[in-house]
Amino acid sequence: MLELKGTSFQKKVWDAIMNIPKGQVRTYKEIAVSIGHPNAYRAVASACKHNPYPIDIPCHRVVPIAGGLGNYLGVMNCERKKRLLEAEGVDVTLFKCLD
């Protein structure tokens, strides 16, 4: 079991992300809704940025609702995020890297 150090909000986000099945994605908005904070999608993105365990908490499975892949671990690292999703069987042709 991971010892997560963060705010209660961050812990809710990370828990929700750990429940995204391999090979699937969710939007920041979907995560926000699932934890009972439907308008906090930017805060969800911030929680992803502060993810202490990127292997165990697969934030690469969370994407923007408007398209693109978004950031990975707080930086524009679209190609890495794309490779991680592709390795899980996600059709990455549906996503574009946005500048």
PDB file of N, CA and C in Angstrom:
ATOM      1  N   MET A   1       0.844  -1.192   0.000  1.00  0.00           N
ATOM      2  CA  MET A   1       0.000   0.000   0.000  1.00  0.00           C
ATOM      3  C   MET A   1       0.883   1.247   0.000  1.00  0.00           C
ATOM      4  N   LEU A   2       0.535   2.196  -0.827  1.00  0.00           N
ATOM      5  CA  LEU A   2       1.302   3.427  -0.929  1.00  0.00           C
ATOM      6  C   LEU A   2       1.000   4.346   0.238  1.00  0.00           C
ATOM      7  N   GLU A   3       2.039   4.990   0.723  1.00  0.00           N
ATOM      8  CA  GLU A   3       1.842   6.012   1.744  1.00  0.00           C
ATOM      9  C   GLU A   3       1.816   7.355   1.022  1.00  0.00           C
ATOM     10  N   LEU A   4       0.606   7.831   0.769  1.00  0.00           N
ATOM     11  CA  LEU A   4       0.438   9.060   0.005  1.00  0.00           C
ATOM     12  C   LEU A   4       0.471  10.277   0.915  1.00  0.00           C
ATOM     13  N   LYS A   5       1.301  11.224   0.558  1.00  0.00           N
ATOM     14  CA  LYS A   5       1.371  12.488   1.291  1.00  0.00           C
ATOM     15  C   LYS A   5       0.889  13.581   0.360  1.00  0.00           C
ATOM     16  N   GLY A   6      -0.240  14.151   0.717  1.00  0.00           N
ATOM     17  CA  GLY A   6      -0.841  15.209  -0.077  1.00  0.00           C
ATOM     18  C   GLY A   6      -2.106  15.672   0.616  1.00  0.00           C
ATOM     19  N   THR A   7      -2.799  16.586  -0.023  1.00  0.00           N
ATOM     20  CA  THR A   7      -4.052  17.073   0.543  1.00  0.00           C
ATOM     21  C   THR A   7      -5.111  15.988   0.395  1.00  0.00           C
ATOM     22  N   SER A   8      -6.207  16.140   1.106  1.00  0.00           N
ATOM     23  CA  SER A   8      -7.282  15.154   0.970  1.00  0.00           C
ATOM     24  C   SER A   8      -7.824  15.149  -0.459  1.00  0.00           C
ATOM     25  N   PHE A   9      -7.867  16.314  -1.097  1.00  0.00           N
ATOM     26  CA  PHE A   9      -8.314  16.393  -2.488  1.00  0.00           C
ATOM     27  C   PHE A   9      -7.365  15.606  -3.395  1.00  0.00           C
ATOM     28  N   GLN A  10      -6.065  15.832  -3.247  1.00  0.00           N
ATOM     29  CA  GLN A  10      -5.089  15.115  -4.072  1.00  0.00           C
ATOM     30  C   GLN A  10      -5.227  13.608  -3.891  1.00  0.00           C
ATOM     31  N   LYS A  11      -5.409  13.177  -2.662  1.00  0.00           N
ATOM     32  CA  LYS A  11      -5.534  11.743  -2.389  1.00  0.00           C
ATOM     33  C   LYS A  11      -6.772  11.159  -3.063  1.00  0.00           C
ATOM     34  N   LYS A  12      -7.871  11.919  -3.098  1.00  0.00           N
ATOM     35  CA  LYS A  12      -9.078  11.461  -3.800  1.00  0.00           C
ATOM     36  C   LYS A  12      -8.812  11.330  -5.295  1.00  0.00           C
ATOM     37  N   VAL A  13      -8.108  12.301  -5.844  1.00  0.00           N
ATOM     38  CA  VAL A  13      -7.774  12.266  -7.269  1.00  0.00           C
ATOM     39  C   VAL A  13      -6.895  11.058  -7.558  1.00  0.00           C
ATOM     40  N   TRP A  14      -5.844  10.886  -6.781  1.00  0.00           N
ATOM     41  CA  TRP A  14      -4.914   9.780  -7.024  1.00  0.00           C
ATOM     42  C   TRP A  14      -5.610   8.426  -6.888  1.00  0.00           C
ATOM     43  N   ASP A  15      -6.519   8.318  -5.926  1.00  0.00           N
ATOM     44  CA  ASP A  15      -7.270   7.072  -5.760  1.00  0.00           C
ATOM     45  C   ASP A  15      -8.133   6.803  -6.996  1.00  0.00           C
ATOM     46  N   ALA A  16      -8.792   7.844  -7.492  1.00  0.00           N
ATOM     47  CA  ALA A  16      -9.624   7.687  -8.686  1.00  0.00           C
ATOM     48  C   ALA A  16      -8.776   7.278  -9.887  1.00  0.00           C
ATOM     49  N   ILE A  17      -7.598   7.844 -10.008  1.00  0.00           N
ATOM     50  CA  ILE A  17      -6.720   7.525 -11.136  1.00  0.00           C
ATOM     51  C   ILE A  17      -6.224   6.083 -11.045  1.00  0.00           C
ATOM     52  N   MET A  18      -5.949   5.616  -9.842  1.00  0.00           N
ATOM     53  CA  MET A  18      -5.496   4.237  -9.681  1.00  0.00           C
ATOM     54  C   MET A  18      -6.571   3.235 -10.103  1.00  0.00           C
ATOM     55  N   ASN A  19      -7.817   3.694 -10.200  1.00  0.00           N
ATOM     56  CA  ASN A  19      -8.912   2.818 -10.598  1.00  0.00           C
ATOM     57  C   ASN A  19      -9.242   2.869 -12.087  1.00  0.00           C
ATOM     58  N   ILE A  20      -8.460   3.637 -12.854  1.00  0.00           N
ATOM     59  CA  ILE A  20      -8.655   3.651 -14.308  1.00  0.00           C
ATOM     60  C   ILE A  20      -8.002   2.387 -14.852  1.00  0.00           C
ATOM     61  N   PRO A  21      -8.765   1.536 -15.515  1.00  0.00           N
ATOM     62  CA  PRO A  21      -8.182   0.301 -16.045  1.00  0.00           C
ATOM     63  C   PRO A  21      -7.080   0.564 -17.082  1.00  0.00           C
ATOM     64  N   LYS A  22      -6.113  -0.304 -17.103  1.00  0.00           N
ATOM     65  CA  LYS A  22      -5.041  -0.240 -18.098  1.00  0.00           C
ATOM     66  C   LYS A  22      -5.679  -0.270 -19.483  1.00  0.00           C
ATOM     67  N   GLY A  23      -5.189   0.592 -20.363  1.00  0.00           N
ATOM     68  CA  GLY A  23      -5.712   0.644 -21.724  1.00  0.00           C
ATOM     69  C   GLY A  23      -6.889   1.576 -21.897  1.00  0.00           C
ATOM     70  N   GLN A  24      -7.255   2.288 -20.825  1.00  0.00           N
ATOM     71  CA  GLN A  24      -8.356   3.245 -20.908  1.00  0.00           C
ATOM     72  C   GLN A  24      -7.872   4.614 -20.456  1.00  0.00           C
ATOM     73  N   VAL A  25      -8.610   5.633 -20.840  1.00  0.00           N
ATOM     74  CA  VAL A  25      -8.316   6.997 -20.398  1.00  0.00           C
ATOM     75  C   VAL A  25      -9.571   7.616 -19.807  1.00  0.00           C
ATOM     76  N   ARG A  26      -9.374   8.635 -18.999  1.00  0.00           N
ATOM     77  CA  ARG A  26     -10.452   9.460 -18.462  1.00  0.00           C
ATOM     78  C   ARG A  26     -10.018  10.914 -18.633  1.00  0.00           C
ATOM     79  N   THR A  27     -10.989  11.807 -18.677  1.00  0.00           N
ATOM     80  CA  THR A  27     -10.647  13.228 -18.757  1.00  0.00           C
ATOM     81  C   THR A  27     -10.496  13.786 -17.342  1.00  0.00           C
ATOM     82  N   TYR A  28      -9.822  14.926 -17.274  1.00  0.00           N
ATOM     83  CA  TYR A  28      -9.700  15.611 -15.985  1.00  0.00           C
ATOM     84  C   TYR A  28     -11.090  15.897 -15.427  1.00  0.00           C
ATOM     85  N   LYS A  29     -12.002  16.260 -16.318  1.00  0.00           N
ATOM     86  CA  LYS A  29     -13.388  16.551 -15.915  1.00  0.00           C
ATOM     87  C   LYS A  29     -14.061  15.297 -15.347  1.00  0.00           C
ATOM     88  N   GLU A  30     -13.892  14.148 -16.000  1.00  0.00           N
ATOM     89  CA  GLU A  30     -14.494  12.906 -15.503  1.00  0.00           C
ATOM     90  C   GLU A  30     -13.968  12.544 -14.117  1.00  0.00           C
ATOM     91  N   ILE A  31     -12.692  12.766 -13.894  1.00  0.00           N
ATOM     92  CA  ILE A  31     -12.127  12.497 -12.567  1.00  0.00           C
ATOM     93  C   ILE A  31     -12.743  13.456 -11.550  1.00  0.00           C
ATOM     94  N   ALA A  32     -12.834  14.731 -11.911  1.00  0.00           N
ATOM     95  CA  ALA A  32     -13.423  15.724 -11.007  1.00  0.00           C
ATOM     96  C   ALA A  32     -14.854  15.339 -10.627  1.00  0.00           C
ATOM     97  N   VAL A  33     -15.636  14.939 -11.600  1.00  0.00           N
ATOM     98  CA  VAL A  33     -17.022  14.532 -11.346  1.00  0.00           C
ATOM     99  C   VAL A  33     -17.047  13.298 -10.446  1.00  0.00           C
ATOM    100  N   SER A  34     -16.175  12.340 -10.725  1.00  0.00           N
ATOM    101  CA  SER A  34     -16.187  11.074  -9.974  1.00  0.00           C
ATOM    102  C   SER A  34     -15.843  11.244  -8.496  1.00  0.00           C
ATOM    103  N   ILE A  35     -15.111  12.321  -8.175  1.00  0.00           N
ATOM    104  CA  ILE A  35     -14.765  12.542  -6.764  1.00  0.00           C
ATOM    105  C   ILE A  35     -15.659  13.591  -6.102  1.00  0.00           C
ATOM    106  N   GLY A  36     -16.699  14.005  -6.821  1.00  0.00           N
ATOM    107  CA  GLY A  36     -17.671  14.921  -6.241  1.00  0.00           C
ATOM    108  C   GLY A  36     -17.326  16.394  -6.325  1.00  0.00           C
ATOM    109  N   HIS A  37     -16.401  16.752  -7.203  1.00  0.00           N
ATOM    110  CA  HIS A  37     -16.009  18.149  -7.416  1.00  0.00           C
ATOM    111  C   HIS A  37     -16.048  18.455  -8.909  1.00  0.00           C
ATOM    112  N   PRO A  38     -17.250  18.529  -9.492  1.00  0.00           N
ATOM    113  CA  PRO A  38     -17.387  18.599 -10.945  1.00  0.00           C
ATOM    114  C   PRO A  38     -16.712  19.789 -11.630  1.00  0.00           C
ATOM    115  N   ASN A  39     -16.453  20.849 -10.916  1.00  0.00           N
ATOM    116  CA  ASN A  39     -15.823  22.018 -11.533  1.00  0.00           C
ATOM    117  C   ASN A  39     -14.328  22.119 -11.229  1.00  0.00           C
ATOM    118  N   ALA A  40     -13.776  21.113 -10.597  1.00  0.00           N
ATOM    119  CA  ALA A  40     -12.377  21.175 -10.150  1.00  0.00           C
ATOM    120  C   ALA A  40     -11.422  20.459 -11.096  1.00  0.00           C
ATOM    121  N   TYR A  41     -11.712  20.478 -12.379  1.00  0.00           N
ATOM    122  CA  TYR A  41     -10.860  19.746 -13.318  1.00  0.00           C
ATOM    123  C   TYR A  41      -9.449  20.318 -13.404  1.00  0.00           C
ATOM    124  N   ARG A  42      -9.289  21.626 -13.191  1.00  0.00           N
ATOM    125  CA  ARG A  42      -7.935  22.203 -13.181  1.00  0.00           C
ATOM    126  C   ARG A  42      -7.170  21.750 -11.943  1.00  0.00           C
ATOM    127  N   ALA A  43      -7.875  21.608 -10.841  1.00  0.00           N
ATOM    128  CA  ALA A  43      -7.244  21.099  -9.621  1.00  0.00           C
ATOM    129  C   ALA A  43      -6.863  19.629  -9.783  1.00  0.00           C
ATOM    130  N   VAL A  44      -7.644  18.884 -10.566  1.00  0.00           N
ATOM    131  CA  VAL A  44      -7.296  17.494 -10.870  1.00  0.00           C
ATOM    132  C   VAL A  44      -5.976  17.479 -11.643  1.00  0.00           C
ATOM    133  N   ALA A  45      -5.839  18.367 -12.622  1.00  0.00           N
ATOM    134  CA  ALA A  45      -4.592  18.457 -13.384  1.00  0.00           C
ATOM    135  C   ALA A  45      -3.426  18.799 -12.467  1.00  0.00           C
ATOM    136  N   SER A  46      -3.664  19.668 -11.515  1.00  0.00           N
ATOM    137  CA  SER A  46      -2.610  20.022 -10.556  1.00  0.00           C
ATOM    138  C   SER A  46      -2.227  18.830  -9.685  1.00  0.00           C
ATOM    139  N   ALA A  47      -3.212  18.047  -9.275  1.00  0.00           N
ATOM    140  CA  ALA A  47      -2.916  16.847  -8.487  1.00  0.00           C
ATOM    141  C   ALA A  47      -2.076  15.871  -9.302  1.00  0.00           C
ATOM    142  N   CYS A  48      -2.366  15.767 -10.596  1.00  0.00           N
ATOM    143  CA  CYS A  48      -1.554  14.912 -11.471  1.00  0.00           C
ATOM    144  C   CYS A  48      -0.117  15.420 -11.524  1.00  0.00           C
ATOM    145  N   LYS A  49       0.020  16.717 -11.603  1.00  0.00           N
ATOM    146  CA  LYS A  49       1.354  17.333 -11.648  1.00  0.00           C
ATOM    147  C   LYS A  49       2.174  16.977 -10.414  1.00  0.00           C
ATOM    148  N   HIS A  50       1.496  16.834  -9.278  1.00  0.00           N
ATOM    149  CA  HIS A  50       2.176  16.554  -8.009  1.00  0.00           C
ATOM    150  C   HIS A  50       2.149  15.081  -7.623  1.00  0.00           C
ATOM    151  N   ASN A  51       1.891  14.218  -8.582  1.00  0.00           N
ATOM    152  CA  ASN A  51       1.830  12.778  -8.364  1.00  0.00           C
ATOM    153  C   ASN A  51       3.184  12.257  -7.858  1.00  0.00           C
ATOM    154  N   PRO A  52       3.233  11.714  -6.633  1.00  0.00           N
ATOM    155  CA  PRO A  52       4.508  11.238  -6.095  1.00  0.00           C
ATOM    156  C   PRO A  52       4.925   9.854  -6.605  1.00  0.00           C
ATOM    157  N   TYR A  53       4.005   9.114  -7.209  1.00  0.00           N
ATOM    158  CA  TYR A  53       4.275   7.748  -7.661  1.00  0.00           C
ATOM    159  C   TYR A  53       3.729   7.525  -9.076  1.00  0.00           C
ATOM    160  N   PRO A  54       4.402   8.067 -10.100  1.00  0.00           N
ATOM    161  CA  PRO A  54       3.853   7.975 -11.459  1.00  0.00           C
ATOM    162  C   PRO A  54       3.712   6.552 -11.993  1.00  0.00           C
ATOM    163  N   ILE A  55       4.436   5.599 -11.465  1.00  0.00           N
ATOM    164  CA  ILE A  55       4.281   4.216 -11.912  1.00  0.00           C
ATOM    165  C   ILE A  55       2.997   3.622 -11.333  1.00  0.00           C
ATOM    166  N   ASP A  56       2.747   3.867 -10.061  1.00  0.00           N
ATOM    167  CA  ASP A  56       1.588   3.297  -9.370  1.00  0.00           C
ATOM    168  C   ASP A  56       0.307   4.096  -9.566  1.00  0.00           C
ATOM    169  N   ILE A  57       0.456   5.394  -9.768  1.00  0.00           N
ATOM    170  CA  ILE A  57      -0.697   6.272  -9.997  1.00  0.00           C
ATOM    171  C   ILE A  57      -0.574   6.748 -11.449  1.00  0.00           C
ATOM    172  N   PRO A  58      -1.218   6.056 -12.379  1.00  0.00           N
ATOM    173  CA  PRO A  58      -0.982   6.279 -13.808  1.00  0.00           C
ATOM    174  C   PRO A  58      -1.651   7.535 -14.367  1.00  0.00           C
ATOM    175  N   CYS A  59      -1.114   8.683 -14.016  1.00  0.00           N
ATOM    176  CA  CYS A  59      -1.681   9.953 -14.477  1.00  0.00           C
ATOM    177  C   CYS A  59      -1.636  10.104 -15.996  1.00  0.00           C
ATOM    178  N   HIS A  60      -0.821   9.282 -16.654  1.00  0.00           N
ATOM    179  CA  HIS A  60      -0.794   9.363 -18.118  1.00  0.00           C
ATOM    180  C   HIS A  60      -2.129   8.942 -18.719  1.00  0.00           C
ATOM    181  N   ARG A  61      -2.980   8.312 -17.927  1.00  0.00           N
ATOM    182  CA  ARG A  61      -4.305   7.893 -18.405  1.00  0.00           C
ATOM    183  C   ARG A  61      -5.345   9.011 -18.319  1.00  0.00           C
ATOM    184  N   VAL A  62      -4.933  10.194 -17.881  1.00  0.00           N
ATOM    185  CA  VAL A  62      -5.863  11.317 -17.739  1.00  0.00           C
ATOM    186  C   VAL A  62      -5.530  12.357 -18.812  1.00  0.00           C
ATOM    187  N   VAL A  63      -6.551  12.738 -19.575  1.00  0.00           N
ATOM    188  CA  VAL A  63      -6.367  13.639 -20.717  1.00  0.00           C
ATOM    189  C   VAL A  63      -7.371  14.789 -20.652  1.00  0.00           C
ATOM    190  N   PRO A  64      -7.089  15.883 -21.351  1.00  0.00           N
ATOM    191  CA  PRO A  64      -8.030  17.009 -21.390  1.00  0.00           C
ATOM    192  C   PRO A  64      -9.288  16.662 -22.172  1.00  0.00           C
ATOM    193  N   ILE A  65     -10.398  17.245 -21.788  1.00  0.00           N
ATOM    194  CA  ILE A  65     -11.664  17.015 -22.484  1.00  0.00           C
ATOM    195  C   ILE A  65     -11.652  17.670 -23.869  1.00  0.00           C
ATOM    196  N   ALA A  66     -10.861  18.722 -24.033  1.00  0.00           N
ATOM    197  CA  ALA A  66     -10.840  19.476 -25.286  1.00  0.00           C
ATOM    198  C   ALA A  66      -9.971  18.828 -26.366  1.00  0.00           C
ATOM    199  N   GLY A  67      -9.377  17.714 -26.071  1.00  0.00           N
ATOM    200  CA  GLY A  67      -8.499  17.057 -27.031  1.00  0.00           C
ATOM    201  C   GLY A  67      -7.051  17.184 -26.623  1.00  0.00           C
ATOM    202  N   GLY A  68      -6.202  16.585 -27.378  1.00  0.00           N
ATOM    203  CA  GLY A  68      -4.784  16.583 -27.038  1.00  0.00           C
ATOM    204  C   GLY A  68      -4.517  15.604 -25.908  1.00  0.00           C
ATOM    205  N   LEU A  69      -3.285  15.576 -25.486  1.00  0.00           N
ATOM    206  CA  LEU A  69      -2.897  14.674 -24.410  1.00  0.00           C
ATOM    207  C   LEU A  69      -2.641  15.390 -23.099  1.00  0.00           C
ATOM    208  N   GLY A  70      -2.395  16.688 -23.169  1.00  0.00           N
ATOM    209  CA  GLY A  70      -2.091  17.411 -21.946  1.00  0.00           C
ATOM    210  C   GLY A  70      -0.657  17.172 -21.513  1.00  0.00           C
ATOM    211  N   ASN A  71      -0.351  17.617 -20.334  1.00  0.00           N
ATOM    212  CA  ASN A  71       0.997  17.480 -19.797  1.00  0.00           C
ATOM    213  C   ASN A  71       1.175  16.119 -19.142  1.00  0.00           C
ATOM    214  N   TYR A  72       2.429  15.804 -18.854  1.00  0.00           N
ATOM    215  CA  TYR A  72       2.735  14.579 -18.124  1.00  0.00           C
ATOM    216  C   TYR A  72       3.720  14.940 -17.029  1.00  0.00           C
ATOM    217  N   LEU A  73       3.305  14.729 -15.795  1.00  0.00           N
ATOM    218  CA  LEU A  73       4.100  15.066 -14.607  1.00  0.00           C
ATOM    219  C   LEU A  73       4.465  16.541 -14.570  1.00  0.00           C
ATOM    220  N   GLY A  74       3.530  17.372 -15.000  1.00  0.00           N
ATOM    221  CA  GLY A  74       3.679  18.810 -14.867  1.00  0.00           C
ATOM    222  C   GLY A  74       4.466  19.493 -15.963  1.00  0.00           C
ATOM    223  N   VAL A  75       4.905  18.747 -16.945  1.00  0.00           N
ATOM    224  CA  VAL A  75       5.638  19.371 -18.050  1.00  0.00           C
ATOM    225  C   VAL A  75       5.050  18.892 -19.372  1.00  0.00           C
ATOM    226  N   MET A  76       5.307  19.651 -20.404  1.00  0.00           N
ATOM    227  CA  MET A  76       4.837  19.257 -21.720  1.00  0.00           C
ATOM    228  C   MET A  76       5.710  18.104 -22.203  1.00  0.00           C
ATOM    229  N   ASN A  77       5.256  16.904 -21.953  1.00  0.00           N
ATOM    230  CA  ASN A  77       5.993  15.711 -22.315  1.00  0.00           C
ATOM    231  C   ASN A  77       5.039  14.781 -23.054  1.00  0.00           C
ATOM    232  N   CYS A  78       4.454  15.324 -24.081  1.00  0.00           N
ATOM    233  CA  CYS A  78       3.395  14.636 -24.813  1.00  0.00           C
ATOM    234  C   CYS A  78       3.856  13.313 -25.419  1.00  0.00           C
ATOM    235  N   GLU A  79       5.030  13.299 -25.993  1.00  0.00           N
ATOM    236  CA  GLU A  79       5.495  12.077 -26.649  1.00  0.00           C
ATOM    237  C   GLU A  79       5.662  10.935 -25.648  1.00  0.00           C
ATOM    238  N   ARG A  80       6.139  11.237 -24.469  1.00  0.00           N
ATOM    239  CA  ARG A  80       6.280  10.181 -23.446  1.00  0.00           C
ATOM    240  C   ARG A  80       4.904   9.665 -23.024  1.00  0.00           C
ATOM    241  N   LYS A  81       3.970  10.579 -22.793  1.00  0.00           N
ATOM    242  CA  LYS A  81       2.611  10.192 -22.409  1.00  0.00           C
ATOM    243  C   LYS A  81       1.989   9.342 -23.519  1.00  0.00           C
ATOM    244  N   LYS A  82       2.212   9.753 -24.747  1.00  0.00           N
ATOM    245  CA  LYS A  82       1.687   9.023 -25.893  1.00  0.00           C
ATOM    246  C   LYS A  82       2.257   7.602 -25.934  1.00  0.00           C
ATOM    247  N   ARG A  83       3.560   7.455 -25.704  1.00  0.00           N
ATOM    248  CA  ARG A  83       4.190   6.123 -25.709  1.00  0.00           C
ATOM    249  C   ARG A  83       3.636   5.240 -24.601  1.00  0.00           C
ATOM    250  N   LEU A  84       3.415   5.816 -23.419  1.00  0.00           N
ATOM    251  CA  LEU A  84       2.867   5.037 -22.306  1.00  0.00           C
ATOM    252  C   LEU A  84       1.464   4.528 -22.640  1.00  0.00           C
ATOM    253  N   LEU A  85       0.640   5.395 -23.207  1.00  0.00           N
ATOM    254  CA  LEU A  85      -0.715   4.984 -23.583  1.00  0.00           C
ATOM    255  C   LEU A  85      -0.690   3.947 -24.698  1.00  0.00           C
ATOM    256  N   GLU A  86       0.169   4.159 -25.655  1.00  0.00           N
ATOM    257  CA  GLU A  86       0.278   3.210 -26.768  1.00  0.00           C
ATOM    258  C   GLU A  86       0.696   1.827 -26.264  1.00  0.00           C
ATOM    259  N   ALA A  87       1.602   1.786 -25.303  1.00  0.00           N
ATOM    260  CA  ALA A  87       2.051   0.515 -24.732  1.00  0.00           C
ATOM    261  C   ALA A  87       0.918  -0.220 -24.028  1.00  0.00           C
ATOM    262  N   GLU A  88      -0.108   0.526 -23.601  1.00  0.00           N
ATOM    263  CA  GLU A  88      -1.267  -0.081 -22.939  1.00  0.00           C
ATOM    264  C   GLU A  88      -2.372  -0.434 -23.923  1.00  0.00           C
ATOM    265  N   GLY A  89      -2.156  -0.159 -25.197  1.00  0.00           N
ATOM    266  CA  GLY A  89      -3.143  -0.515 -26.198  1.00  0.00           C
ATOM    267  C   GLY A  89      -4.131   0.585 -26.548  1.00  0.00           C
ATOM    268  N   VAL A  90      -3.895   1.802 -26.069  1.00  0.00           N
ATOM    269  CA  VAL A  90      -4.782   2.921 -26.391  1.00  0.00           C
ATOM    270  C   VAL A  90      -4.479   3.382 -27.818  1.00  0.00           C
ATOM    271  N   ASP A  91      -5.521   3.654 -28.591  1.00  0.00           N
ATOM    272  CA  ASP A  91      -5.353   4.168 -29.939  1.00  0.00           C
ATOM    273  C   ASP A  91      -4.918   5.630 -29.849  1.00  0.00           C
ATOM    274  N   VAL A  92      -3.619   5.850 -29.924  1.00  0.00           N
ATOM    275  CA  VAL A  92      -3.086   7.200 -29.741  1.00  0.00           C
ATOM    276  C   VAL A  92      -3.291   8.089 -30.963  1.00  0.00           C
ATOM    277  N   THR A  93      -3.777   7.520 -32.065  1.00  0.00           N
ATOM    278  CA  THR A  93      -4.062   8.368 -33.229  1.00  0.00           C
ATOM    279  C   THR A  93      -5.232   9.305 -32.943  1.00  0.00           C
ATOM    280  N   LEU A  94      -5.971   9.018 -31.886  1.00  0.00           N
ATOM    281  CA  LEU A  94      -7.094   9.887 -31.500  1.00  0.00           C
ATOM    282  C   LEU A  94      -6.621  11.153 -30.796  1.00  0.00           C
ATOM    283  N   PHE A  95      -5.348  11.180 -30.402  1.00  0.00           N
ATOM    284  CA  PHE A  95      -4.819  12.299 -29.621  1.00  0.00           C
ATOM    285  C   PHE A  95      -3.698  12.993 -30.374  1.00  0.00           C
ATOM    286  N   LYS A  96      -3.642  14.292 -30.227  1.00  0.00           N
ATOM    287  CA  LYS A  96      -2.575  15.079 -30.826  1.00  0.00           C
ATOM    288  C   LYS A  96      -1.789  15.760 -29.709  1.00  0.00           C
ATOM    289  N   CYS A  97      -0.521  15.956 -29.948  1.00  0.00           N
ATOM    290  CA  CYS A  97       0.291  16.735 -29.027  1.00  0.00           C
ATOM    291  C   CYS A  97       0.069  18.210 -29.356  1.00  0.00           C
ATOM    292  N   LEU A  98      -0.406  18.957 -28.403  1.00  0.00           N
ATOM    293  CA  LEU A  98      -0.655  20.389 -28.598  1.00  0.00           C
ATOM    294  C   LEU A  98       0.488  21.184 -27.993  1.00  0.00           C
ATOM    295  N   ASP A  99       0.881  22.245 -28.670  1.00  0.00           N
ATOM    296  CA  ASP A  99       1.943  23.096 -28.135  1.00  0.00           C
ATOM    297  C   ASP A  99       1.431  24.013 -27.066  1.00  0.00           C
TER     298      ASP A  99
END
